Amino acid sequence: MIGFLKGVLAAKQPPALLVDVGGVGYELEAPMSTFYGLPAVGEAVALYTHLSIREDAHVLFGFGTDAERRLFRGLLKVSGVGPKIALGILSGASVEDFLRTVEAEDVALLTRIPGIGRKTAERVIIEMRDSVQKLAQPAAGGDAPVAPAGAGSAQGEAFAALIALGYKPPEVARLLKAADEPGLSTTEIIRRALKSAVKA
């Protein structure tokens, strides 16, 4: 099992990452909560990982903090929630926001995330209710710091990232219009777009 990677960020195109670890390139998928904290391409990066093994592929997921990884793993145990939905939840809310949503039993907030219907949202809240306290506690060893975000380039990357997260093109266009401001980095555009999606 690969639990942690430390290397150089070779490429980032949400939700995909490429990390060069001693000359070996590891392809990963990561939630937007992790992308917000990534350094610029070419800089050092450290990520917690989760390896998902399916019949047709082995997929490595990367996380900026151990809390994100623990939440992702907890979500995978919920009936009907796969990696794509778990990434969507982590992209739409921080770990703290998600824990508050479960404690408040806010089904409506979860249904705003692409791929989550009312039944799935209710199941997530019911099945995660008991484990939120454990998720709120830091694990032994704590979280590895991730370097601050570097400036990216723009609307096209943000559009592709939101499509990859499951949003439909017309909805992406509307969200990007709400986040349109000159000089914003890709991650900031995506952050603003996801915030407006949750408020909508």
Foldseek 3Di string as FASTA:
>chain_A
DQFKAKAFFADDQAQWTWGQGPNDTDIAGEALLQQQFAADGGHIWMWTWDWDDDPVDIHIYTHQWVLLVVQLVLQCVQPPDDNLLSSQVVNLDPLVRVLVCLVVVPLVLSCLGAPDDSVSSNSCSVSCVVVSVVSVDADPVGIDHHHGYDAADDDVSLQVNVVSSPDDNVLSVVLLVQLDDPPHGSSSSNVSSSVVSSVD
